[in-house]
N, C-alpha and C. Protein backbone atom coordinates (compact mmCIF):
# COMPACT_ATOMS: atom_id res chain seq x y z
N UNK A 1 79.29 102.79 106.55
CA UNK A 1 79.06 101.74 105.65
C UNK A 1 79.95 100.49 106.17
N UNK A 2 79.30 99.38 106.00
CA UNK A 2 80.00 98.17 106.43
C UNK A 2 80.50 97.33 105.18
N UNK A 3 81.57 96.63 105.40
CA UNK A 3 82.00 95.80 104.36
C UNK A 3 81.24 94.49 104.27
N UNK A 4 80.90 94.11 103.13
CA UNK A 4 80.26 92.72 103.00
C UNK A 4 81.36 91.74 102.49
N UNK A 5 81.68 90.88 103.44
CA UNK A 5 82.89 89.90 103.13
C UNK A 5 82.32 88.78 102.35
N UNK A 6 83.00 88.40 101.11
CA UNK A 6 82.68 87.24 100.41
C UNK A 6 83.97 86.41 100.30
N UNK A 7 83.65 85.10 100.50
CA UNK A 7 84.77 84.09 100.39
C UNK A 7 85.02 83.92 98.95
N UNK A 8 86.40 83.73 98.52
CA UNK A 8 86.71 83.47 97.25
C UNK A 8 86.79 82.01 96.85
N UNK A 9 86.19 81.77 95.75
CA UNK A 9 86.18 80.26 95.26
C UNK A 9 87.65 79.83 95.22
N UNK A 10 88.03 78.71 95.83
CA UNK A 10 89.40 78.34 95.93
C UNK A 10 90.20 78.06 94.63
N UNK A 11 89.40 77.82 93.50
CA UNK A 11 90.09 77.68 92.27
C UNK A 11 90.59 79.00 91.80
N UNK A 12 90.10 80.13 92.40
CA UNK A 12 90.62 81.47 91.93
C UNK A 12 91.50 82.00 93.08
N UNK A 13 91.62 81.48 94.17
CA UNK A 13 92.27 81.98 95.31
C UNK A 13 93.77 81.86 95.27
N UNK A 14 94.27 80.91 94.51
CA UNK A 14 95.73 80.77 94.50
C UNK A 14 96.42 81.28 93.28
N UNK A 15 97.72 81.36 93.24
CA UNK A 15 98.43 81.82 92.01
C UNK A 15 98.62 83.35 91.97
N UNK A 16 98.24 83.98 93.04
CA UNK A 16 98.43 85.49 93.02
C UNK A 16 99.78 85.79 93.68
N UNK A 17 100.12 87.08 93.34
CA UNK A 17 101.37 87.64 93.91
C UNK A 17 100.97 89.01 94.57
N UNK A 18 101.52 89.30 95.69
CA UNK A 18 101.29 90.44 96.42
C UNK A 18 102.71 91.00 96.78
N UNK A 19 103.05 92.19 96.35
CA UNK A 19 104.39 92.78 96.68
C UNK A 19 105.47 91.83 96.25
N UNK A 20 105.36 91.06 95.09
CA UNK A 20 106.18 90.12 94.72
C UNK A 20 106.24 88.73 95.32
N UNK A 21 105.54 88.49 96.39
CA UNK A 21 105.44 87.37 97.04
C UNK A 21 104.16 86.49 96.75
N UNK A 22 104.30 85.13 96.70
CA UNK A 22 103.11 84.42 96.37
C UNK A 22 102.10 84.55 97.53
N UNK A 23 100.86 84.69 97.15
CA UNK A 23 99.77 84.73 98.24
C UNK A 23 98.54 84.04 97.74
N UNK A 24 97.62 83.88 98.63
CA UNK A 24 96.23 83.31 98.25
C UNK A 24 95.24 84.25 98.89
N UNK A 25 94.21 84.47 98.16
CA UNK A 25 93.16 85.37 98.56
C UNK A 25 92.08 84.60 99.23
N UNK A 26 91.77 84.89 100.52
CA UNK A 26 90.77 84.32 101.34
C UNK A 26 89.35 84.96 101.08
N UNK A 27 89.25 86.34 101.28
CA UNK A 27 87.99 87.01 101.23
C UNK A 27 88.11 88.39 100.58
N UNK A 28 87.05 88.82 99.97
CA UNK A 28 87.02 90.12 99.40
C UNK A 28 85.93 90.93 100.17
N UNK A 29 86.40 92.16 100.63
CA UNK A 29 85.37 92.92 101.31
C UNK A 29 84.80 93.96 100.36
N UNK A 30 83.53 93.98 100.13
CA UNK A 30 82.93 94.91 99.19
C UNK A 30 81.95 95.87 99.83
N UNK A 31 81.89 97.07 99.22
CA UNK A 31 80.86 98.07 99.51
C UNK A 31 80.18 98.30 98.29
N UNK A 32 78.91 98.08 98.20
CA UNK A 32 78.11 98.35 96.99
C UNK A 32 78.73 97.66 95.76
N UNK A 33 79.24 96.38 96.00
CA UNK A 33 79.76 95.63 94.86
C UNK A 33 81.24 95.98 94.44
N UNK A 34 81.81 96.97 95.09
CA UNK A 34 83.18 97.41 94.84
C UNK A 34 84.08 96.90 95.82
N UNK A 35 85.18 96.24 95.47
CA UNK A 35 86.23 95.75 96.45
C UNK A 35 86.84 96.96 97.17
N UNK A 36 86.88 96.89 98.42
CA UNK A 36 87.45 97.95 99.23
C UNK A 36 88.45 97.32 100.26
N UNK A 37 88.54 96.00 100.33
CA UNK A 37 89.31 95.22 101.31
C UNK A 37 89.61 93.90 100.79
N UNK A 38 90.83 93.47 101.00
CA UNK A 38 91.16 92.04 100.66
C UNK A 38 91.89 91.31 101.88
N UNK A 39 91.40 90.11 102.05
CA UNK A 39 91.99 89.34 103.22
C UNK A 39 92.81 88.29 102.49
N UNK A 40 94.13 88.31 102.59
CA UNK A 40 95.03 87.43 101.93
C UNK A 40 95.95 86.71 102.91
N UNK A 41 96.67 85.67 102.41
CA UNK A 41 97.67 84.93 103.16
C UNK A 41 98.86 84.96 102.37
N UNK A 42 99.96 85.54 103.02
CA UNK A 42 101.25 85.65 102.41
C UNK A 42 102.28 84.91 103.33
N UNK A 43 102.91 83.90 102.87
CA UNK A 43 103.87 83.16 103.56
C UNK A 43 103.42 82.75 105.00
N UNK A 44 102.10 82.33 105.16
CA UNK A 44 101.61 81.94 106.43
C UNK A 44 101.04 83.05 107.29
N UNK A 45 101.14 84.27 106.83
CA UNK A 45 100.63 85.41 107.58
C UNK A 45 99.38 85.93 106.99
N UNK A 46 98.31 86.19 107.74
CA UNK A 46 97.11 86.73 107.32
C UNK A 46 97.27 88.36 107.22
N UNK A 47 96.78 88.91 106.18
CA UNK A 47 96.81 90.30 106.00
C UNK A 47 95.49 90.85 105.46
N UNK A 48 94.99 91.86 106.04
CA UNK A 48 93.80 92.56 105.50
C UNK A 48 94.31 93.93 105.03
N UNK A 49 94.11 94.14 103.71
CA UNK A 49 94.60 95.36 103.12
C UNK A 49 93.27 96.25 102.67
N UNK A 50 93.24 97.40 103.07
CA UNK A 50 92.03 98.28 102.72
C UNK A 50 92.59 99.38 101.83
N UNK A 51 91.81 99.57 100.69
CA UNK A 51 92.24 100.65 99.80
C UNK A 51 91.95 100.44 98.36
N UNK A 52 92.77 101.02 97.52
CA UNK A 52 92.49 100.93 95.99
C UNK A 52 93.38 99.63 95.57
N UNK A 53 92.65 98.78 94.83
CA UNK A 53 93.26 97.58 94.45
C UNK A 53 93.66 97.50 93.00
N UNK A 54 93.60 98.49 92.27
CA UNK A 54 93.88 98.46 90.91
C UNK A 54 95.47 98.26 90.79
N UNK A 55 95.73 97.02 90.15
CA UNK A 55 97.15 96.60 89.91
C UNK A 55 97.92 96.28 91.27
N UNK A 56 97.24 96.09 92.33
CA UNK A 56 97.92 95.68 93.62
C UNK A 56 98.14 94.20 93.51
N UNK A 57 97.25 93.49 92.87
CA UNK A 57 97.38 92.00 92.81
C UNK A 57 97.46 91.59 91.29
N UNK A 58 98.24 90.55 91.20
CA UNK A 58 98.37 90.13 89.76
C UNK A 58 98.31 88.56 89.65
N UNK A 59 97.62 88.11 88.66
CA UNK A 59 97.55 86.73 88.49
C UNK A 59 97.19 86.58 86.93
N UNK A 60 98.24 86.08 86.22
CA UNK A 60 97.97 85.98 84.73
C UNK A 60 96.83 85.12 84.29
N UNK A 61 96.53 84.11 85.08
CA UNK A 61 95.38 83.12 84.84
C UNK A 61 94.07 83.91 84.88
N UNK A 62 93.92 84.89 85.77
CA UNK A 62 92.65 85.48 86.07
C UNK A 62 92.39 86.80 85.44
N UNK A 63 93.22 87.34 84.56
CA UNK A 63 92.98 88.59 83.97
C UNK A 63 91.68 88.51 83.15
N UNK A 64 90.79 89.40 83.49
CA UNK A 64 89.46 89.38 82.79
C UNK A 64 88.43 88.53 83.44
N UNK A 65 88.77 87.80 84.50
CA UNK A 65 87.78 86.93 85.18
C UNK A 65 86.73 87.73 85.98
N UNK A 66 87.10 88.96 86.37
CA UNK A 66 86.13 89.92 86.96
C UNK A 66 86.02 89.79 88.39
N UNK A 67 87.14 89.31 89.11
CA UNK A 67 87.09 89.31 90.63
C UNK A 67 87.12 90.65 91.28
N UNK A 68 87.37 91.75 90.46
CA UNK A 68 87.29 93.13 91.05
C UNK A 68 88.78 93.60 91.54
N UNK A 69 89.70 92.57 91.46
CA UNK A 69 91.09 92.93 91.72
C UNK A 69 91.98 92.60 90.71
N UNK A 70 93.14 93.12 90.56
CA UNK A 70 94.13 92.65 89.63
C UNK A 70 94.32 93.55 88.43
N UNK A 71 95.28 93.39 87.62
CA UNK A 71 95.58 94.20 86.52
C UNK A 71 94.95 93.49 85.30
N UNK A 72 93.81 94.06 84.70
CA UNK A 72 93.30 93.38 83.54
C UNK A 72 93.75 93.98 82.30
């Protein structure tokens, strides 16, 4: 199975925290509509994380928006 990468609307891409550090989400990698990978930028470093994203990312402004990641 291949990931289908989707760019994140920039109004939702900022204000996130990853491992306590501010980050911005660049792309979401989905398989059958389920997020399986996230491409983020933390302190100028690009990171692609693959795995379970339940509560891995937090953004108080986006709880319930339905991006598929975060703690709702």
